[in-house]
PDB file of N, CA and C in Angstrom:
ATOM      1  N   MET A   1      31.219 210.112 189.657  1.00  0.00           N
ATOM      2  CA  MET A   1      30.344 210.364 188.534  1.00  0.00           C
ATOM      3  C   MET A   1      28.929 210.521 189.064  1.00  0.00           C
ATOM      4  N   ALA A   2      28.234 211.495 188.539  1.00  0.00           N
ATOM      5  CA  ALA A   2      26.851 211.709 188.963  1.00  0.00           C
ATOM      6  C   ALA A   2      25.973 210.615 188.381  1.00  0.00           C
ATOM      7  N   VAL A   3      25.006 210.186 189.154  1.00  0.00           N
ATOM      8  CA  VAL A   3      24.152 209.089 188.709  1.00  0.00           C
ATOM      9  C   VAL A   3      22.712 209.544 188.697  1.00  0.00           C
ATOM     10  N   GLY A   4      22.226 209.951 187.606  1.00  0.00           N
ATOM     11  CA  GLY A   4      20.816 210.157 187.338  1.00  0.00           C
ATOM     12  C   GLY A   4      20.002 210.946 188.336  1.00  0.00           C
ATOM     13  N   THR A   5      20.580 211.662 189.260  1.00  0.00           N
ATOM     14  CA  THR A   5      19.754 212.435 190.175  1.00  0.00           C
ATOM     15  C   THR A   5      19.167 213.606 189.409  1.00  0.00           C
ATOM     16  N   GLY A   6      17.919 213.819 189.571  1.00  0.00           N
ATOM     17  CA  GLY A   6      17.240 214.895 188.878  1.00  0.00           C
ATOM     18  C   GLY A   6      16.885 214.561 187.442  1.00  0.00           C
ATOM     19  N   SER A   7      17.023 213.313 187.037  1.00  0.00           N
ATOM     20  CA  SER A   7      16.711 212.948 185.665  1.00  0.00           C
ATOM     21  C   SER A   7      15.207 212.761 185.501  1.00  0.00           C
ATOM     22  N   ASN A   8      14.785 212.813 184.289  1.00  0.00           N
ATOM     23  CA  ASN A   8      13.359 212.689 183.989  1.00  0.00           C
ATOM     24  C   ASN A   8      12.858 211.261 184.156  1.00  0.00           C
ATOM     25  N   THR A   9      13.735 210.295 184.006  1.00  0.00           N
ATOM     26  CA  THR A   9      13.308 208.897 184.074  1.00  0.00           C
ATOM     27  C   THR A   9      13.115 208.429 185.503  1.00  0.00           C
ATOM     28  N   GLY A  10      13.815 209.033 186.439  1.00  0.00           N
ATOM     29  CA  GLY A  10      13.690 208.636 187.833  1.00  0.00           C
ATOM     30  C   GLY A  10      14.543 207.435 188.186  1.00  0.00           C
ATOM     31  N   SER A  11      15.259 206.864 187.240  1.00  0.00           N
ATOM     32  CA  SER A  11      16.119 205.725 187.534  1.00  0.00           C
ATOM     33  C   SER A  11      17.523 206.222 187.855  1.00  0.00           C
ATOM     34  N   ASN A  12      18.300 205.361 188.464  1.00  0.00           N
ATOM     35  CA  ASN A  12      19.660 205.733 188.838  1.00  0.00           C
ATOM     36  C   ASN A  12      20.694 205.275 187.824  1.00  0.00           C
ATOM     37  N   ILE A  13      20.266 204.807 186.670  1.00  0.00           N
ATOM     38  CA  ILE A  13      21.173 204.279 185.661  1.00  0.00           C
ATOM     39  C   ILE A  13      21.199 205.238 184.479  1.00  0.00           C
ATOM     40  N   LEU A  14      22.416 205.598 184.051  1.00  0.00           N
ATOM     41  CA  LEU A  14      22.565 206.471 182.896  1.00  0.00           C
ATOM     42  C   LEU A  14      22.456 205.647 181.610  1.00  0.00           C
ATOM     43  N   THR A  15      21.793 206.207 180.624  1.00  0.00           N
ATOM     44  CA  THR A  15      21.739 205.549 179.326  1.00  0.00           C
ATOM     45  C   THR A  15      23.081 205.738 178.620  1.00  0.00           C
ATOM     46  N   GLU A  16      23.271 205.012 177.542  1.00  0.00           N
ATOM     47  CA  GLU A  16      24.520 205.125 176.785  1.00  0.00           C
ATOM     48  C   GLU A  16      24.671 206.530 176.211  1.00  0.00           C
ATOM     49  N   GLU A  17      23.580 207.117 175.788  1.00  0.00           N
ATOM     50  CA  GLU A  17      23.627 208.472 175.231  1.00  0.00           C
ATOM     51  C   GLU A  17      24.040 209.480 176.316  1.00  0.00           C
ATOM     52  N   GLU A  18      23.509 209.329 177.522  1.00  0.00           N
ATOM     53  CA  GLU A  18      23.859 210.223 178.625  1.00  0.00           C
ATOM     54  C   GLU A  18      25.317 210.020 179.042  1.00  0.00           C
ATOM     55  N   LYS A  19      25.790 208.781 179.021  1.00  0.00           N
ATOM     56  CA  LYS A  19      27.191 208.509 179.337  1.00  0.00           C
ATOM     57  C   LYS A  19      28.107 209.174 178.317  1.00  0.00           C
ATOM     58  N   ALA A  20      27.704 209.152 177.046  1.00  0.00           N
ATOM     59  CA  ALA A  20      28.504 209.781 175.991  1.00  0.00           C
ATOM     60  C   ALA A  20      28.539 211.302 176.181  1.00  0.00           C
ATOM     61  N   ILE A  21      27.410 211.881 176.558  1.00  0.00           N
ATOM     62  CA  ILE A  21      27.350 213.327 176.782  1.00  0.00           C
ATOM     63  C   ILE A  21      28.249 213.718 177.955  1.00  0.00           C
ATOM     64  N   VAL A  22      28.188 212.948 179.030  1.00  0.00           N
ATOM     65  CA  VAL A  22      29.011 213.224 180.210  1.00  0.00           C
ATOM     66  C   VAL A  22      30.491 213.061 179.873  1.00  0.00           C
ATOM     67  N   ALA A  23      30.836 212.021 179.145  1.00  0.00           N
ATOM     68  CA  ALA A  23      32.237 211.791 178.778  1.00  0.00           C
ATOM     69  C   ALA A  23      32.754 212.904 177.873  1.00  0.00           C
ATOM     70  N   LYS A  24      31.917 213.352 176.947  1.00  0.00           N
ATOM     71  CA  LYS A  24      32.311 214.428 176.034  1.00  0.00           C
ATOM     72  C   LYS A  24      32.493 215.734 176.800  1.00  0.00           C
ATOM     73  N   ALA A  25      31.665 215.985 177.801  1.00  0.00           N
ATOM     74  CA  ALA A  25      31.775 217.215 178.585  1.00  0.00           C
ATOM     75  C   ALA A  25      32.959 217.168 179.546  1.00  0.00           C
ATOM     76  N   LYS A  26      33.362 215.972 179.964  1.00  0.00           N
ATOM     77  CA  LYS A  26      34.454 215.837 180.934  1.00  0.00           C
ATOM     78  C   LYS A  26      35.826 215.923 180.275  1.00  0.00           C
ATOM     79  N   LYS A  27      35.915 215.606 179.000  1.00  0.00           N
ATOM     80  CA  LYS A  27      37.204 215.572 178.316  1.00  0.00           C
ATOM     81  C   LYS A  27      37.941 216.913 178.369  1.00  0.00           C
ATOM     82  N   PRO A  28      37.297 218.068 178.092  1.00  0.00           N
ATOM     83  CA  PRO A  28      38.033 219.339 178.196  1.00  0.00           C
ATOM     84  C   PRO A  28      38.527 219.640 179.611  1.00  0.00           C
ATOM     85  N   VAL A  29      37.775 219.222 180.613  1.00  0.00           N
ATOM     86  CA  VAL A  29      38.203 219.424 182.003  1.00  0.00           C
ATOM     87  C   VAL A  29      39.472 218.616 182.267  1.00  0.00           C
ATOM     88  N   ASP A  30      39.508 217.389 181.804  1.00  0.00           N
ATOM     89  CA  ASP A  30      40.690 216.548 181.999  1.00  0.00           C
ATOM     90  C   ASP A  30      41.908 217.091 181.255  1.00  0.00           C
ATOM     91  N   VAL A  31      41.695 217.561 180.036  1.00  0.00           N
ATOM     92  CA  VAL A  31      42.802 218.112 179.245  1.00  0.00           C
ATOM     93  C   VAL A  31      43.365 219.357 179.925  1.00  0.00           C
ATOM     94  N   MET A  32      42.477 220.247 180.369  1.00  0.00           N
ATOM     95  CA  MET A  32      42.945 221.468 181.019  1.00  0.00           C
ATOM     96  C   MET A  32      43.645 221.150 182.336  1.00  0.00           C
ATOM     97  N   ASN A  33      43.203 220.128 183.034  1.00  0.00           N
ATOM     98  CA  ASN A  33      43.875 219.729 184.268  1.00  0.00           C
ATOM     99  C   ASN A  33      45.280 219.216 183.975  1.00  0.00           C
ATOM    100  N   LYS A  34      45.454 218.473 182.896  1.00  0.00           N
ATOM    101  CA  LYS A  34      46.786 217.984 182.526  1.00  0.00           C
ATOM    102  C   LYS A  34      47.706 219.137 182.153  1.00  0.00           C
ATOM    103  N   ILE A  35      47.172 220.142 181.460  1.00  0.00           N
ATOM    104  CA  ILE A  35      47.967 221.318 181.101  1.00  0.00           C
ATOM    105  C   ILE A  35      48.390 222.061 182.366  1.00  0.00           C
ATOM    106  N   ARG A  36      47.460 222.218 183.303  1.00  0.00           N
ATOM    107  CA  ARG A  36      47.752 222.899 184.566  1.00  0.00           C
ATOM    108  C   ARG A  36      48.820 222.145 185.347  1.00  0.00           C
ATOM    109  N   LEU A  37      48.711 220.832 185.396  1.00  0.00           N
ATOM    110  CA  LEU A  37      49.709 220.027 186.105  1.00  0.00           C
ATOM    111  C   LEU A  37      51.069 220.071 185.418  1.00  0.00           C
ATOM    112  N   PHE A  38      51.083 220.184 184.089  1.00  0.00           N
ATOM    113  CA  PHE A  38      52.337 220.317 183.351  1.00  0.00           C
ATOM    114  C   PHE A  38      53.059 221.594 183.757  1.00  0.00           C
ATOM    115  N   PHE A  39      52.319 222.714 183.805  1.00  0.00           N
ATOM    116  CA  PHE A  39      52.930 223.969 184.233  1.00  0.00           C
ATOM    117  C   PHE A  39      53.411 223.885 185.685  1.00  0.00           C
ATOM    118  N   MET A  40      52.652 223.207 186.520  1.00  0.00           N
ATOM    119  CA  MET A  40      53.052 223.064 187.922  1.00  0.00           C
ATOM    120  C   MET A  40      54.320 222.219 188.040  1.00  0.00           C
ATOM    121  N   PHE A  41      54.425 221.162 187.255  1.00  0.00           N
ATOM    122  CA  PHE A  41      55.605 220.301 187.286  1.00  0.00           C
ATOM    123  C   PHE A  41      56.846 221.086 186.883  1.00  0.00           C
ATOM    124  N   ILE A  42      56.732 221.896 185.832  1.00  0.00           N
ATOM    125  CA  ILE A  42      57.863 222.716 185.395  1.00  0.00           C
ATOM    126  C   ILE A  42      58.290 223.659 186.512  1.00  0.00           C
ATOM    127  N   ALA A  43      57.320 224.303 187.164  1.00  0.00           N
ATOM    128  CA  ALA A  43      57.644 225.242 188.241  1.00  0.00           C
ATOM    129  C   ALA A  43      58.333 224.538 189.403  1.00  0.00           C
ATOM    130  N   VAL A  44      57.851 223.387 189.773  1.00  0.00           N
ATOM    131  CA  VAL A  44      58.446 222.668 190.904  1.00  0.00           C
ATOM    132  C   VAL A  44      59.874 222.233 190.571  1.00  0.00           C
ATOM    133  N   VAL A  45      60.097 221.730 189.384  1.00  0.00           N
ATOM    134  CA  VAL A  45      61.447 221.296 188.995  1.00  0.00           C
ATOM    135  C   VAL A  45      62.408 222.481 189.018  1.00  0.00           C
ATOM    136  N   LEU A  46      61.995 223.619 188.461  1.00  0.00           N
ATOM    137  CA  LEU A  46      62.878 224.782 188.449  1.00  0.00           C
ATOM    138  C   LEU A  46      63.139 225.320 189.849  1.00  0.00           C
ATOM    139  N   LEU A  47      62.109 225.341 190.692  1.00  0.00           N
ATOM    140  CA  LEU A  47      62.309 225.833 192.047  1.00  0.00           C
ATOM    141  C   LEU A  47      63.221 224.914 192.862  1.00  0.00           C
ATOM    142  N   VAL A  48      63.120 223.617 192.663  1.00  0.00           N
ATOM    143  CA  VAL A  48      64.017 222.682 193.349  1.00  0.00           C
ATOM    144  C   VAL A  48      65.450 222.878 192.853  1.00  0.00           C
ATOM    145  N   PHE A  49      65.611 223.085 191.546  1.00  0.00           N
ATOM    146  CA  PHE A  49      66.943 223.337 190.995  1.00  0.00           C
ATOM    147  C   PHE A  49      67.540 224.610 191.580  1.00  0.00           C
ATOM    148  N   ILE A  50      66.729 225.666 191.665  1.00  0.00           N
ATOM    149  CA  ILE A  50      67.213 226.924 192.235  1.00  0.00           C
ATOM    150  C   ILE A  50      67.582 226.740 193.708  1.00  0.00           C
ATOM    151  N   TYR A  51      66.739 226.029 194.435  1.00  0.00           N
ATOM    152  CA  TYR A  51      66.987 225.829 195.865  1.00  0.00           C
ATOM    153  C   TYR A  51      68.322 225.127 196.105  1.00  0.00           C
ATOM    154  N   PHE A  52      68.531 223.999 195.437  1.00  0.00           N
ATOM    155  CA  PHE A  52      69.771 223.254 195.646  1.00  0.00           C
ATOM    156  C   PHE A  52      70.962 223.940 194.978  1.00  0.00           C
ATOM    157  N   GLY A  53      70.710 224.653 193.885  1.00  0.00           N
ATOM    158  CA  GLY A  53      71.783 225.392 193.234  1.00  0.00           C
ATOM    159  C   GLY A  53      72.317 226.508 194.095  1.00  0.00           C
ATOM    160  N   ARG A  54      71.435 227.127 194.878  1.00  0.00           N
ATOM    161  CA  ARG A  54      71.880 228.184 195.805  1.00  0.00           C
ATOM    162  C   ARG A  54      72.826 227.600 196.861  1.00  0.00           C
ATOM    163  N   LYS A  55      72.633 226.366 197.209  1.00  0.00           N
ATOM    164  CA  LYS A  55      73.505 225.735 198.200  1.00  0.00           C
ATOM    165  C   LYS A  55      74.843 225.299 197.584  1.00  0.00           C
ATOM    166  N   LEU A  56      74.812 224.873 196.314  1.00  0.00           N
ATOM    167  CA  LEU A  56      76.021 224.361 195.674  1.00  0.00           C
ATOM    168  C   LEU A  56      76.850 225.451 194.994  1.00  0.00           C
ATOM    169  N   TRP A  57      76.189 226.367 194.289  1.00  0.00           N
ATOM    170  CA  TRP A  57      76.904 227.326 193.440  1.00  0.00           C
ATOM    171  C   TRP A  57      76.656 228.775 193.863  1.00  0.00           C
ATOM    172  N   GLU A  58      76.540 229.045 195.126  1.00  0.00           N
ATOM    173  CA  GLU A  58      76.271 230.399 195.601  1.00  0.00           C
ATOM    174  C   GLU A  58      77.427 231.330 195.234  1.00  0.00           C
ATOM    175  N   GLY A  59      77.095 232.458 194.617  1.00  0.00           N
ATOM    176  CA  GLY A  59      78.086 233.470 194.270  1.00  0.00           C
ATOM    177  C   GLY A  59      78.779 233.250 192.940  1.00  0.00           C
ATOM    178  N   ILE A  60      78.494 232.185 192.240  1.00  0.00           N
ATOM    179  CA  ILE A  60      79.118 231.933 190.940  1.00  0.00           C
ATOM    180  C   ILE A  60      78.313 232.683 189.881  1.00  0.00           C
ATOM    181  N   ALA A  61      79.028 233.366 188.985  1.00  0.00           N
ATOM    182  CA  ALA A  61      78.394 234.287 188.040  1.00  0.00           C
ATOM    183  C   ALA A  61      77.431 233.587 187.092  1.00  0.00           C
ATOM    184  N   TRP A  62      77.834 232.435 186.549  1.00  0.00           N
ATOM    185  CA  TRP A  62      76.963 231.778 185.573  1.00  0.00           C
ATOM    186  C   TRP A  62      75.657 231.328 186.216  1.00  0.00           C
ATOM    187  N   PHE A  63      75.723 230.891 187.482  1.00  0.00           N
ATOM    188  CA  PHE A  63      74.506 230.446 188.161  1.00  0.00           C
ATOM    189  C   PHE A  63      73.600 231.637 188.473  1.00  0.00           C
ATOM    190  N   ASP A  64      74.179 232.741 188.908  1.00  0.00           N
ATOM    191  CA  ASP A  64      73.376 233.929 189.195  1.00  0.00           C
ATOM    192  C   ASP A  64      72.671 234.430 187.934  1.00  0.00           C
ATOM    193  N   HIS A  65      73.359 234.400 186.824  1.00  0.00           N
ATOM    194  CA  HIS A  65      72.749 234.816 185.551  1.00  0.00           C
ATOM    195  C   HIS A  65      71.641 233.838 185.141  1.00  0.00           C
ATOM    196  N   LEU A  66      71.895 232.561 185.310  1.00  0.00           N
ATOM    197  CA  LEU A  66      70.902 231.549 184.966  1.00  0.00           C
ATOM    198  C   LEU A  66      69.653 231.677 185.839  1.00  0.00           C
ATOM    199  N   VAL A  67      69.842 231.936 187.119  1.00  0.00           N
ATOM    200  CA  VAL A  67      68.717 232.054 188.043  1.00  0.00           C
ATOM    201  C   VAL A  67      67.843 233.249 187.701  1.00  0.00           C
ATOM    202  N   SER A  68      68.452 234.357 187.298  1.00  0.00           N
ATOM    203  CA  SER A  68      67.638 235.517 186.932  1.00  0.00           C
ATOM    204  C   SER A  68      66.756 235.196 185.727  1.00  0.00           C
ATOM    205  N   GLY A  69      67.273 234.452 184.773  1.00  0.00           N
ATOM    206  CA  GLY A  69      66.462 234.020 183.631  1.00  0.00           C
ATOM    207  C   GLY A  69      65.381 233.028 184.043  1.00  0.00           C
ATOM    208  N   MET A  70      65.712 232.157 184.992  1.00  0.00           N
ATOM    209  CA  MET A  70      64.727 231.184 185.478  1.00  0.00           C
ATOM    210  C   MET A  70      63.574 231.868 186.186  1.00  0.00           C
ATOM    211  N   TYR A  71      63.873 232.906 186.954  1.00  0.00           N
ATOM    212  CA  TYR A  71      62.795 233.629 187.632  1.00  0.00           C
ATOM    213  C   TYR A  71      61.870 234.306 186.619  1.00  0.00           C
ATOM    214  N   GLN A  72      62.418 234.821 185.544  1.00  0.00           N
ATOM    215  CA  GLN A  72      61.577 235.397 184.489  1.00  0.00           C
ATOM    216  C   GLN A  72      60.689 234.319 183.860  1.00  0.00           C
ATOM    217  N   PHE A  73      61.279 233.166 183.598  1.00  0.00           N
ATOM    218  CA  PHE A  73      60.513 232.058 183.040  1.00  0.00           C
ATOM    219  C   PHE A  73      59.445 231.580 184.019  1.00  0.00           C
ATOM    220  N   LEU A  74      59.798 231.499 185.311  1.00  0.00           N
ATOM    221  CA  LEU A  74      58.844 231.055 186.324  1.00  0.00           C
ATOM    222  C   LEU A  74      57.667 232.013 186.458  1.00  0.00           C
ATOM    223  N   LEU A  75      57.921 233.301 186.288  1.00  0.00           N
ATOM    224  CA  LEU A  75      56.832 234.267 186.339  1.00  0.00           C
ATOM    225  C   LEU A  75      55.780 233.937 185.290  1.00  0.00           C
ATOM    226  N   TRP A  76      56.208 233.714 184.066  1.00  0.00           N
ATOM    227  CA  TRP A  76      55.254 233.386 182.990  1.00  0.00           C
ATOM    228  C   TRP A  76      54.642 232.005 183.181  1.00  0.00           C
ATOM    229  N   ASP A  77      55.440 231.081 183.665  1.00  0.00           N
ATOM    230  CA  ASP A  77      54.934 229.737 183.912  1.00  0.00           C
ATOM    231  C   ASP A  77      53.814 229.761 184.957  1.00  0.00           C
ATOM    232  N   ILE A  78      54.013 230.490 186.023  1.00  0.00           N
ATOM    233  CA  ILE A  78      53.002 230.553 187.077  1.00  0.00           C
ATOM    234  C   ILE A  78      51.767 231.310 186.601  1.00  0.00           C
ATOM    235  N   LEU A  79      51.952 232.361 185.799  1.00  0.00           N
ATOM    236  CA  LEU A  79      50.792 233.069 185.246  1.00  0.00           C
ATOM    237  C   LEU A  79      49.980 232.171 184.313  1.00  0.00           C
ATOM    238  N   LEU A  80      50.658 231.384 183.498  1.00  0.00           N
ATOM    239  CA  LEU A  80      49.949 230.448 182.620  1.00  0.00           C
ATOM    240  C   LEU A  80      49.260 229.351 183.426  1.00  0.00           C
ATOM    241  N   MET A  81      49.891 228.903 184.507  1.00  0.00           N
ATOM    242  CA  MET A  81      49.257 227.913 185.371  1.00  0.00           C
ATOM    243  C   MET A  81      48.006 228.498 186.016  1.00  0.00           C
ATOM    244  N   LEU A  82      48.065 229.751 186.433  1.00  0.00           N
ATOM    245  CA  LEU A  82      46.909 230.419 187.012  1.00  0.00           C
ATOM    246  C   LEU A  82      45.785 230.565 185.985  1.00  0.00           C
ATOM    247  N   LEU A  83      46.148 230.934 184.764  1.00  0.00           N
ATOM    248  CA  LEU A  83      45.153 231.033 183.689  1.00  0.00           C
ATOM    249  C   LEU A  83      44.512 229.676 183.414  1.00  0.00           C
ATOM    250  N   ALA A  84      45.330 228.631 183.362  1.00  0.00           N
ATOM    251  CA  ALA A  84      44.803 227.286 183.141  1.00  0.00           C
ATOM    252  C   ALA A  84      43.875 226.856 184.275  1.00  0.00           C
ATOM    253  N   THR A  85      44.179 227.286 185.500  1.00  0.00           N
ATOM    254  CA  THR A  85      43.319 226.962 186.639  1.00  0.00           C
ATOM    255  C   THR A  85      41.960 227.622 186.495  1.00  0.00           C
ATOM    256  N   PHE A  86      41.943 228.887 186.095  1.00  0.00           N
ATOM    257  CA  PHE A  86      40.668 229.590 185.903  1.00  0.00           C
ATOM    258  C   PHE A  86      39.856 228.988 184.760  1.00  0.00           C
ATOM    259  N   ILE A  87      40.531 228.609 183.679  1.00  0.00           N
ATOM    260  CA  ILE A  87      39.827 227.976 182.556  1.00  0.00           C
ATOM    261  C   ILE A  87      39.264 226.634 182.994  1.00  0.00           C
ATOM    262  N   LYS A  88      40.042 225.866 183.747  1.00  0.00           N
ATOM    263  CA  LYS A  88      39.562 224.580 184.262  1.00  0.00           C
ATOM    264  C   LYS A  88      38.351 224.780 185.162  1.00  0.00           C
ATOM    265  N   PHE A  89      38.380 225.813 185.977  1.00  0.00           N
ATOM    266  CA  PHE A  89      37.251 226.120 186.847  1.00  0.00           C
ATOM    267  C   PHE A  89      35.994 226.389 186.014  1.00  0.00           C
ATOM    268  N   GLY A  90      36.129 227.183 184.963  1.00  0.00           N
ATOM    269  CA  GLY A  90      34.992 227.462 184.081  1.00  0.00           C
ATOM    270  C   GLY A  90      34.478 226.206 183.395  1.00  0.00           C
ATOM    271  N   LEU A  91      35.378 225.365 182.946  1.00  0.00           N
ATOM    272  CA  LEU A  91      34.972 224.115 182.302  1.00  0.00           C
ATOM    273  C   LEU A  91      34.304 223.170 183.295  1.00  0.00           C
ATOM    274  N   ALA A  92      34.770 223.170 184.528  1.00  0.00           N
ATOM    275  CA  ALA A  92      34.144 222.330 185.557  1.00  0.00           C
ATOM    276  C   ALA A  92      32.734 222.811 185.877  1.00  0.00           C
ATOM    277  N   VAL A  93      32.538 224.123 185.876  1.00  0.00           N
ATOM    278  CA  VAL A  93      31.191 224.662 186.092  1.00  0.00           C
ATOM    279  C   VAL A  93      30.265 224.227 184.960  1.00  0.00           C
ATOM    280  N   ARG A  94      30.759 224.301 183.731  1.00  0.00           N
ATOM    281  CA  ARG A  94      29.955 223.871 182.577  1.00  0.00           C
ATOM    282  C   ARG A  94      29.652 222.376 182.656  1.00  0.00           C
ATOM    283  N   TYR A  95      30.654 221.584 183.051  1.00  0.00           N
ATOM    284  CA  TYR A  95      30.467 220.142 183.200  1.00  0.00           C
ATOM    285  C   TYR A  95      29.405 219.841 184.261  1.00  0.00           C
ATOM    286  N   ASN A  96      29.469 220.551 185.381  1.00  0.00           N
ATOM    287  CA  ASN A  96      28.496 220.324 186.448  1.00  0.00           C
ATOM    288  C   ASN A  96      27.078 220.689 186.009  1.00  0.00           C
ATOM    289  N   LYS A  97      26.945 221.720 185.207  1.00  0.00           N
ATOM    290  CA  LYS A  97      25.615 222.078 184.701  1.00  0.00           C
ATOM    291  C   LYS A  97      25.072 220.998 183.785  1.00  0.00           C
ATOM    292  N   ILE A  98      25.943 220.433 182.960  1.00  0.00           N
ATOM    293  CA  ILE A  98      25.514 219.364 182.047  1.00  0.00           C
ATOM    294  C   ILE A  98      25.098 218.138 182.849  1.00  0.00           C
ATOM    295  N   VAL A  99      25.897 217.783 183.861  1.00  0.00           N
ATOM    296  CA  VAL A  99      25.581 216.605 184.669  1.00  0.00           C
ATOM    297  C   VAL A  99      24.288 216.835 185.449  1.00  0.00           C
ATOM    298  N   LYS A 100      24.082 218.036 185.899  1.00  0.00           N
ATOM    299  CA  LYS A 100      22.893 218.344 186.676  1.00  0.00           C
ATOM    300  C   LYS A 100      21.623 218.205 185.823  1.00  0.00           C
ATOM    301  N   LYS A 101      21.719 218.536 184.524  1.00  0.00           N
ATOM    302  CA  LYS A 101      20.573 218.387 183.633  1.00  0.00           C
ATOM    303  C   LYS A 101      20.192 216.923 183.426  1.00  0.00           C
ATOM    304  N   ILE A 102      21.185 216.071 183.469  1.00  0.00           N
ATOM    305  CA  ILE A 102      20.949 214.635 183.223  1.00  0.00           C
ATOM    306  C   ILE A 102      20.406 214.002 184.415  1.00  0.00           C
TER     307      ILE A 102
END
């Protein structure tokens, strides 16, 4: 957490009002990070399933059909994770500007 550098008071202690502003600005960054991690968790679970499934059920029709659908789902999952990463980056930039003002 940033501590009062560049503040008008010159002290290293944040006031309660400044702490509230920082907490309010940090909340969207935390939420977007959780969304990004959720998409990443889904991708990792599906990729592990595909990896071990290729070893167990190679050449079986139902698994091959399921995997093709999983790859389509993973494409969208990874694109949404990438979008969430860019949004988180933008929110982090906004958060840093707010902290820098304080």
